[in-house]
N, C-alpha and C. Protein backbone atom coordinates (compact mmCIF):
# COMPACT_ATOMS: atom_id res chain seq x y z
N MET A 1 -61.37 53.30 36.78
CA MET A 1 -60.46 52.68 37.85
C MET A 1 -60.83 51.66 38.53
N LYS A 2 -59.82 51.20 38.75
CA LYS A 2 -59.97 49.57 39.35
C LYS A 2 -59.93 49.92 41.02
N ASN A 3 -60.25 49.02 41.81
CA ASN A 3 -59.93 49.43 43.23
C ASN A 3 -59.19 48.18 43.88
N GLU A 4 -58.11 48.81 43.19
CA GLU A 4 -56.77 48.58 43.65
C GLU A 4 -55.66 49.52 43.93
N ILE A 5 -54.74 49.32 45.30
CA ILE A 5 -53.61 49.70 45.38
C ILE A 5 -52.28 48.77 44.81
N ARG A 6 -51.44 49.50 43.74
CA ARG A 6 -50.43 48.74 43.29
C ARG A 6 -48.91 49.45 43.68
N HIS A 7 -47.92 48.52 44.38
CA HIS A 7 -47.13 49.14 44.80
C HIS A 7 -45.69 48.38 43.56
N LEU A 8 -44.45 49.47 42.65
CA LEU A 8 -43.75 48.91 42.65
C LEU A 8 -42.68 48.10 43.60
N GLY A 9 -42.51 47.24 43.75
CA GLY A 9 -41.11 46.38 45.15
C GLY A 9 -39.74 46.11 44.21
N VAL A 10 -39.31 45.11 45.33
CA VAL A 10 -38.12 44.55 44.79
C VAL A 10 -38.26 43.35 46.04
N VAL A 11 -38.61 42.44 45.14
CA VAL A 11 -38.28 40.57 46.52
C VAL A 11 -36.77 41.14 47.14
N ASP A 12 -37.36 40.56 48.29
CA ASP A 12 -35.93 40.92 49.06
C ASP A 12 -35.70 39.66 49.78
N THR A 13 -36.80 38.40 49.81
CA THR A 13 -36.60 37.16 50.48
C THR A 13 -37.52 36.42 49.51
N VAL A 14 -37.26 35.05 49.38
CA VAL A 14 -38.30 34.05 48.78
C VAL A 14 -38.04 33.22 49.69
N ASP A 15 -39.74 32.58 50.40
CA ASP A 15 -39.00 30.95 51.42
C ASP A 15 -40.30 30.78 51.09
N VAL A 16 -40.79 29.30 51.46
CA VAL A 16 -41.92 28.26 51.11
C VAL A 16 -42.61 28.92 51.96
N GLY A 17 -43.81 29.55 50.72
CA GLY A 17 -44.77 30.21 51.04
C GLY A 17 -45.33 31.06 51.70
N LEU A 18 -44.32 32.20 51.42
CA LEU A 18 -44.08 33.93 51.99
C LEU A 18 -42.69 34.43 50.98
N ILE A 19 -42.83 35.46 50.24
CA ILE A 19 -42.31 36.30 49.53
C ILE A 19 -42.22 38.15 50.35
N LYS A 20 -41.06 38.11 50.91
CA LYS A 20 -40.55 39.59 50.84
C LYS A 20 -40.89 40.76 50.47
N VAL A 21 -41.46 41.31 49.91
CA VAL A 21 -41.32 42.52 49.14
C VAL A 21 -40.40 43.64 49.99
N ARG A 22 -39.52 44.84 49.20
CA ARG A 22 -39.51 45.79 49.89
C ARG A 22 -40.29 46.78 48.50
N ILE A 23 -41.32 47.70 49.26
CA ILE A 23 -41.18 48.54 48.76
C ILE A 23 -41.36 50.11 49.13
N THR A 24 -41.43 51.31 48.18
CA THR A 24 -40.81 52.18 48.58
C THR A 24 -42.62 53.31 48.68
N GLN A 25 -43.01 53.49 49.53
CA GLN A 25 -44.03 54.76 49.70
C GLN A 25 -43.70 55.64 49.91
N THR A 26 -44.39 56.68 49.21
CA THR A 26 -44.05 58.46 48.66
C THR A 26 -45.38 58.86 48.68
N SER A 27 -45.05 60.21 49.65
CA SER A 27 -45.99 60.97 49.55
C SER A 27 -46.55 61.77 48.12
N ALA A 28 -48.12 62.31 47.54
CA ALA A 28 -48.07 62.51 46.46
C ALA A 28 -47.59 63.63 45.80
N CYS A 29 -46.62 64.50 46.50
CA CYS A 29 -45.58 65.42 46.75
C CYS A 29 -44.43 65.31 46.51
N SER A 30 -44.32 63.75 46.13
CA SER A 30 -42.96 63.66 46.82
C SER A 30 -41.71 64.18 45.20
N SER A 31 -41.97 64.28 43.92
CA SER A 31 -41.64 64.39 42.84
C SER A 31 -41.30 66.11 42.82
N CYS A 32 -42.33 66.65 43.91
CA CYS A 32 -42.30 67.95 43.39
C CYS A 32 -40.65 68.84 43.70
N LYS A 33 -40.67 69.64 42.82
CA LYS A 33 -39.01 70.12 43.05
C LYS A 33 -38.50 70.75 44.36
N MET A 34 -39.62 71.20 44.99
CA MET A 34 -39.31 71.49 46.57
C MET A 34 -39.64 70.65 47.33
N SER A 35 -39.62 69.51 46.97
CA SER A 35 -40.12 68.46 48.24
C SER A 35 -38.70 68.13 49.37
N GLY A 36 -37.85 68.79 48.91
CA GLY A 36 -36.86 68.60 50.04
C GLY A 36 -36.40 70.01 50.72
N ASN A 37 -37.13 70.25 50.70
CA ASN A 37 -37.57 71.71 51.54
C ASN A 37 -38.79 71.85 52.40
N CYS A 38 -39.82 70.07 52.24
CA CYS A 38 -41.08 70.57 52.78
C CYS A 38 -41.06 69.25 54.13
N ASN A 39 -42.04 69.65 54.51
CA ASN A 39 -41.97 68.36 55.71
C ASN A 39 -43.58 67.88 54.79
N ALA A 40 -44.14 68.01 54.29
CA ALA A 40 -45.27 67.29 53.97
C ALA A 40 -44.61 66.14 52.94
N SER A 41 -43.95 65.79 52.03
CA SER A 41 -42.79 65.30 51.56
C SER A 41 -42.41 64.12 51.95
N GLU A 42 -43.16 63.18 52.48
CA GLU A 42 -41.58 62.02 52.88
C GLU A 42 -41.66 60.35 52.35
N SER A 43 -41.56 59.89 51.86
CA SER A 43 -41.06 58.63 51.48
C SER A 43 -40.29 57.26 52.68
N LYS A 44 -40.73 56.82 52.81
CA LYS A 44 -40.99 55.47 53.70
C LYS A 44 -40.71 54.09 53.07
N GLU A 45 -39.58 53.02 52.90
CA GLU A 45 -39.14 51.96 52.84
C GLU A 45 -39.55 50.74 53.63
N LYS A 46 -40.71 50.00 53.25
CA LYS A 46 -41.63 49.07 54.15
C LYS A 46 -41.45 47.27 53.50
N VAL A 47 -41.07 46.86 54.35
CA VAL A 47 -40.90 45.29 53.74
C VAL A 47 -42.39 44.57 53.78
N VAL A 48 -43.64 43.96 52.69
CA VAL A 48 -44.39 43.76 53.17
C VAL A 48 -44.38 41.90 52.68
N ASP A 49 -45.23 41.38 53.67
CA ASP A 49 -45.36 39.96 53.44
C ASP A 49 -46.26 39.76 52.23
N VAL A 50 -46.13 39.03 51.25
CA VAL A 50 -46.88 38.18 50.81
C VAL A 50 -46.70 36.60 50.71
N TYR A 51 -48.02 36.37 51.21
CA TYR A 51 -48.88 34.71 51.51
C TYR A 51 -48.90 34.39 49.65
N CYS A 52 -48.10 33.01 49.64
CA CYS A 52 -48.70 32.82 48.16
C CYS A 52 -47.85 31.57 48.47
N ASP A 53 -48.55 30.72 47.18
CA ASP A 53 -48.07 29.07 47.17
C ASP A 53 -47.13 29.01 45.55
N ASN A 54 -47.53 29.93 45.11
CA ASN A 54 -46.92 29.64 43.42
C ASN A 54 -45.90 31.09 43.89
N HIS A 55 -44.47 30.66 43.62
CA HIS A 55 -43.58 31.69 43.66
C HIS A 55 -43.36 32.34 42.31
N TYR A 56 -43.56 31.68 41.07
CA TYR A 56 -43.51 32.75 39.57
C TYR A 56 -42.48 32.61 39.80
N GLY A 57 -41.25 31.89 40.19
CA GLY A 57 -39.97 31.66 39.97
C GLY A 57 -39.01 32.93 40.55
N LEU A 58 -39.61 33.41 41.25
CA LEU A 58 -38.55 34.59 41.88
C LEU A 58 -37.78 34.68 42.65
N LYS A 59 -36.91 35.43 42.12
CA LYS A 59 -35.88 34.97 43.37
C LYS A 59 -35.19 36.46 44.18
N THR A 60 -34.54 36.58 44.87
CA THR A 60 -33.99 38.03 45.38
C THR A 60 -33.57 39.23 44.21
N GLY A 61 -34.24 40.16 44.28
CA GLY A 61 -33.74 41.29 43.74
C GLY A 61 -34.70 41.91 42.23
N ASP A 62 -35.62 40.56 42.24
CA ASP A 62 -36.29 40.76 41.04
C ASP A 62 -37.34 41.75 41.14
N ASN A 63 -37.77 42.79 40.45
CA ASN A 63 -39.06 43.63 40.14
C ASN A 63 -40.67 43.28 40.25
N VAL A 64 -41.06 43.13 41.00
CA VAL A 64 -42.85 42.80 40.87
C VAL A 64 -43.38 44.52 41.37
N ILE A 65 -44.52 44.18 40.94
CA ILE A 65 -45.91 44.77 41.31
C ILE A 65 -47.15 44.43 42.08
N VAL A 66 -46.71 44.57 43.32
CA VAL A 66 -47.47 44.23 44.45
C VAL A 66 -49.14 44.40 44.34
N ILE A 67 -49.56 43.95 44.66
CA ILE A 67 -51.78 44.53 44.75
C ILE A 67 -52.30 44.34 46.09
N ALA A 68 -52.55 45.32 46.61
CA ALA A 68 -54.23 44.87 47.78
C ALA A 68 -55.32 45.53 47.11
N SER A 69 -56.65 45.47 47.28
CA SER A 69 -57.75 45.73 47.16
C SER A 69 -57.81 46.80 47.92
N GLN A 70 -59.01 47.77 47.66
CA GLN A 70 -58.90 49.21 48.36
C GLN A 70 -59.35 48.66 49.87
N ARG A 71 -60.38 47.64 49.50
CA ARG A 71 -61.53 46.84 50.74
C ARG A 71 -60.18 46.21 51.67
N THR A 72 -58.73 45.93 51.39
CA THR A 72 -57.89 45.69 52.24
C THR A 72 -57.52 46.99 53.22
N GLY A 73 -57.80 47.92 52.30
CA GLY A 73 -56.65 49.17 52.82
C GLY A 73 -57.65 50.15 53.95
N PHE A 74 -59.50 50.00 53.60
CA PHE A 74 -59.99 49.98 54.49
C PHE A 74 -60.42 49.71 55.25
N LEU A 75 -60.18 48.06 55.53
CA LEU A 75 -60.75 47.41 56.58
C LEU A 75 -58.80 47.36 58.03
N ALA A 76 -58.01 47.88 56.85
CA ALA A 76 -56.73 48.11 57.73
C ALA A 76 -56.92 49.35 58.59
N VAL A 77 -57.53 50.62 58.22
CA VAL A 77 -57.94 51.19 58.94
C VAL A 77 -58.67 51.33 59.77
N LEU A 78 -60.12 50.49 59.69
CA LEU A 78 -60.76 50.85 60.57
C LEU A 78 -60.35 49.56 61.44
N LEU A 79 -59.40 48.91 61.60
CA LEU A 79 -59.05 47.88 62.36
C LEU A 79 -58.18 48.63 63.05
N SER A 80 -56.99 49.48 62.76
CA SER A 80 -56.12 50.45 63.14
C SER A 80 -56.09 51.66 63.87
N SER A 81 -57.14 52.30 63.73
CA SER A 81 -57.91 53.70 63.83
C SER A 81 -59.05 54.19 64.73
N VAL A 82 -60.07 53.65 63.32
CA VAL A 82 -61.66 53.99 63.23
C VAL A 82 -61.54 53.13 64.57
N ILE A 83 -61.76 51.94 65.20
CA ILE A 83 -62.48 51.15 66.11
C ILE A 83 -61.62 51.50 67.12
N PRO A 84 -60.73 51.72 67.60
CA PRO A 84 -60.36 52.12 69.15
C PRO A 84 -60.06 53.30 69.06
N LEU A 85 -60.24 54.37 68.45
CA LEU A 85 -61.23 55.78 68.31
C LEU A 85 -62.22 55.47 69.22
N ILE A 86 -63.24 54.88 68.71
CA ILE A 86 -64.99 54.53 68.89
C ILE A 86 -64.38 54.07 70.72
N ILE A 87 -63.43 53.17 70.53
CA ILE A 87 -63.98 52.50 72.24
C ILE A 87 -63.04 53.31 72.79
N LEU A 88 -62.40 54.23 72.76
CA LEU A 88 -61.46 55.45 73.36
C LEU A 88 -62.53 56.03 74.10
N VAL A 89 -62.82 56.94 72.92
CA VAL A 89 -63.56 58.02 73.35
C VAL A 89 -65.64 57.28 73.97
N ALA A 90 -66.03 56.86 73.31
CA ALA A 90 -67.40 55.87 74.05
C ALA A 90 -66.76 55.55 75.38
N VAL A 91 -65.49 54.88 76.00
CA VAL A 91 -65.38 54.25 77.16
C VAL A 91 -64.90 55.93 78.34
N LEU A 92 -64.23 56.80 77.56
CA LEU A 92 -64.13 58.14 78.22
C LEU A 92 -65.52 58.84 78.83
N ALA A 93 -66.50 58.61 77.84
CA ALA A 93 -67.58 59.38 78.04
C ALA A 93 -68.29 58.84 79.00
N ILE A 94 -68.47 57.56 78.85
CA ILE A 94 -69.11 56.86 80.21
C ILE A 94 -68.77 57.01 81.14
N ALA A 95 -67.20 56.73 81.23
CA ALA A 95 -66.44 56.64 82.42
C ALA A 95 -66.45 57.94 83.21
N PHE A 96 -66.47 58.98 82.69
CA PHE A 96 -66.61 60.53 82.98
C PHE A 96 -68.41 60.65 83.80
N VAL A 97 -69.36 59.88 82.76
CA VAL A 97 -70.22 60.32 83.50
C VAL A 97 -70.46 59.62 84.76
N VAL A 98 -69.97 58.07 84.76
CA VAL A 98 -70.23 57.66 86.11
C VAL A 98 -69.10 57.62 87.58
N THR A 99 -67.69 57.78 86.97
CA THR A 99 -66.95 58.44 87.80
C THR A 99 -66.68 60.39 88.36
N GLN A 100 -67.16 61.22 87.43
CA GLN A 100 -66.87 62.53 87.95
C GLN A 100 -65.42 62.72 88.03
N SER A 101 -64.16 61.97 87.43
CA SER A 101 -63.29 62.02 87.26
C SER A 101 -62.59 62.06 85.82
N GLU A 102 -61.64 63.29 85.59
CA GLU A 102 -61.41 62.61 84.43
C GLU A 102 -60.07 62.20 84.80
N ILE A 103 -59.46 62.05 85.72
CA ILE A 103 -57.83 61.09 85.69
C ILE A 103 -58.93 59.58 85.30
N SER A 104 -59.60 59.48 86.36
CA SER A 104 -59.90 57.75 86.34
C SER A 104 -60.64 57.69 84.93
N ALA A 105 -61.77 58.29 84.41
CA ALA A 105 -61.91 57.92 82.98
C ALA A 105 -61.23 58.01 82.18
N ALA A 106 -59.72 58.64 82.01
CA ALA A 106 -59.00 58.93 81.19
C ALA A 106 -57.80 57.00 81.37
N LEU A 107 -58.02 57.28 82.37
CA LEU A 107 -56.83 55.62 82.96
C LEU A 107 -58.08 54.15 82.07
N PHE A 108 -59.38 54.08 82.41
CA PHE A 108 -59.82 53.56 82.44
C PHE A 108 -60.68 53.45 80.59
N SER A 109 -60.61 54.34 79.90
CA SER A 109 -60.64 54.53 78.24
C SER A 109 -59.42 53.71 78.14
N LEU A 110 -58.22 54.13 78.58
CA LEU A 110 -56.94 53.65 78.11
C LEU A 110 -56.72 52.22 77.98
N CYS A 111 -57.22 51.87 79.21
CA CYS A 111 -56.78 50.32 79.42
C CYS A 111 -58.26 49.28 78.93
N SER A 112 -59.08 50.21 78.30
CA SER A 112 -60.29 49.90 77.77
C SER A 112 -59.67 48.74 76.20
N LEU A 113 -58.63 49.70 75.67
CA LEU A 113 -58.42 49.28 74.64
C LEU A 113 -57.49 47.61 74.40
N ILE A 114 -56.85 47.38 76.04
CA ILE A 114 -55.99 46.34 76.24
C ILE A 114 -56.35 45.29 75.36
N PRO A 115 -58.24 45.31 75.91
CA PRO A 115 -58.64 43.85 75.94
C PRO A 115 -59.11 43.91 73.98
N TYR A 116 -59.08 44.63 73.42
CA TYR A 116 -59.38 45.18 71.70
C TYR A 116 -57.86 44.47 71.36
N TYR A 117 -56.93 45.30 71.79
CA TYR A 117 -55.75 44.32 70.95
C TYR A 117 -55.39 43.26 71.05
N VAL A 118 -55.85 42.62 71.77
CA VAL A 118 -55.55 41.31 72.40
C VAL A 118 -56.16 40.35 71.60
N ILE A 119 -57.26 40.69 71.29
CA ILE A 119 -58.43 40.08 70.50
C ILE A 119 -57.69 40.13 69.59
N LEU A 120 -57.14 41.24 68.40
CA LEU A 120 -56.64 41.82 67.66
C LEU A 120 -55.71 40.52 67.39
N TYR A 121 -54.99 40.68 68.30
CA TYR A 121 -53.43 39.89 67.91
C TYR A 121 -53.87 37.51 68.58
N CYS A 122 -55.10 37.40 69.02
CA CYS A 122 -55.09 36.13 68.83
C CYS A 122 -55.71 36.00 67.57
N MET A 123 -56.66 36.95 67.39
CA MET A 123 -57.37 36.90 65.67
C MET A 123 -56.25 36.88 64.67
N ARG A 124 -54.86 36.93 64.98
CA ARG A 124 -54.16 37.62 63.59
C ARG A 124 -54.30 36.50 62.00
N GLU A 125 -54.06 35.38 62.50
CA GLU A 125 -54.20 34.13 61.13
C GLU A 125 -55.32 34.81 60.54
N LYS A 126 -56.66 35.36 60.55
CA LYS A 126 -57.96 35.62 60.34
C LYS A 126 -57.29 36.96 59.72
N ILE A 127 -56.87 37.34 59.98
CA ILE A 127 -57.05 39.30 59.83
C ILE A 127 -56.09 38.71 58.56
N ARG A 128 -54.90 38.16 59.02
CA ARG A 128 -53.98 38.27 57.75
C ARG A 128 -54.07 37.77 56.62
N VAL A 129 -55.34 36.73 56.55
CA VAL A 129 -55.87 36.24 55.09
C VAL A 129 -56.44 37.76 54.22
N LYS A 130 -57.51 38.17 56.08
CA LYS A 130 -57.76 39.68 54.52
C LYS A 130 -57.25 41.27 54.60
N LEU A 131 -55.95 41.20 55.25
CA LEU A 131 -55.29 42.10 55.23
C LEU A 131 -53.37 41.60 54.08
N SER A 132 -54.31 40.67 53.02
CA SER A 132 -52.98 40.33 52.06
C SER A 132 -52.23 40.79 50.95
N PHE A 133 -51.34 40.84 50.87
CA PHE A 133 -50.62 41.48 49.48
C PHE A 133 -50.57 40.23 48.34
N HIS A 134 -51.00 40.80 46.80
CA HIS A 134 -50.73 39.92 46.16
C HIS A 134 -49.65 40.41 45.05
N ILE A 135 -49.22 39.02 44.53
CA ILE A 135 -48.38 39.77 42.98
C ILE A 135 -49.11 39.68 42.43
N ASP A 136 -48.81 41.12 41.45
CA ASP A 136 -49.34 40.68 40.22
C ASP A 136 -48.46 39.58 39.45
N PRO A 137 -49.13 38.48 38.29
CA PRO A 137 -48.16 37.38 37.69
C PRO A 137 -47.66 38.46 36.89
N LEU A 138 -48.39 39.51 35.99
CA LEU A 138 -48.21 40.28 34.65
C LEU A 138 -47.13 41.02 35.21
N SER A 139 -46.63 41.24 36.46
CA SER A 139 -45.79 42.37 36.65
C SER A 139 -44.30 41.58 36.30
N VAL A 140 -44.17 40.09 36.74
CA VAL A 140 -43.44 38.95 36.50
C VAL A 140 -42.82 38.98 35.46
N SER A 141 -43.93 38.00 34.12
CA SER A 141 -43.20 38.40 32.87
C SER A 141 -42.79 40.28 32.28
N THR A 142 -43.08 40.50 32.17
CA THR A 142 -43.31 42.20 32.37
C THR A 142 -41.60 42.58 32.32
N PHE A 143 -41.56 42.15 34.20
CA PHE A 143 -39.95 42.81 34.48
C PHE A 143 -38.93 41.33 33.70
N GLY A 144 -39.27 40.20 34.02
CA GLY A 144 -37.72 39.32 33.75
C GLY A 144 -37.15 39.11 34.81
N ASP A 145 -36.05 38.63 34.19
CA ASP A 145 -35.55 38.09 35.13
C ASP A 145 -34.55 39.12 35.60
N ASN A 146 -34.26 40.44 34.58
CA ASN A 146 -33.59 41.50 34.53
C ASN A 146 -33.75 42.60 35.41
N GLY A 147 -35.09 42.43 35.76
CA GLY A 147 -35.70 43.46 36.51
C GLY A 147 -36.49 44.47 35.46
N LEU A 148 -36.47 45.58 35.62
CA LEU A 148 -37.32 46.73 34.94
C LEU A 148 -37.30 46.46 33.02
N LYS A 149 -38.06 46.44 32.17
CA LYS A 149 -37.32 46.12 30.48
C LYS A 149 -37.33 47.70 30.61
N LEU A 150 -37.16 48.77 29.83
CA LEU A 150 -37.38 49.70 29.57
C LEU A 150 -37.30 50.62 27.95
């Protein structure tokens, strides 16, 4: 098993150095017959940016497979959820011990995330390189100009 996350998508726009691909994220149970009656199954359409120099001759409407490594997914979860949670809980605990006030501790912990997100924003170009999708070059030749071959 490869350590990749693959999504079938449709090219939305092609610009110099950037391809926007529309993918549909579905939960594992979306193919279930009861998925229409269940809140657990969901499907979301998202547009991902693929930064590349080679456009593979792609144009709007072409089907492609976009790939990200599992490492990319883990890094995204770490930066978006795990680190902020650790900061929030640590500052909450320390501020409560120091101030003995729940309201003050809660405000300090929420405010402690502001510098974290400012740092993320300032480092967005470096993070973008590490959290990038790629187009599978084999999918371009497989799908061809007219979309998916059956």
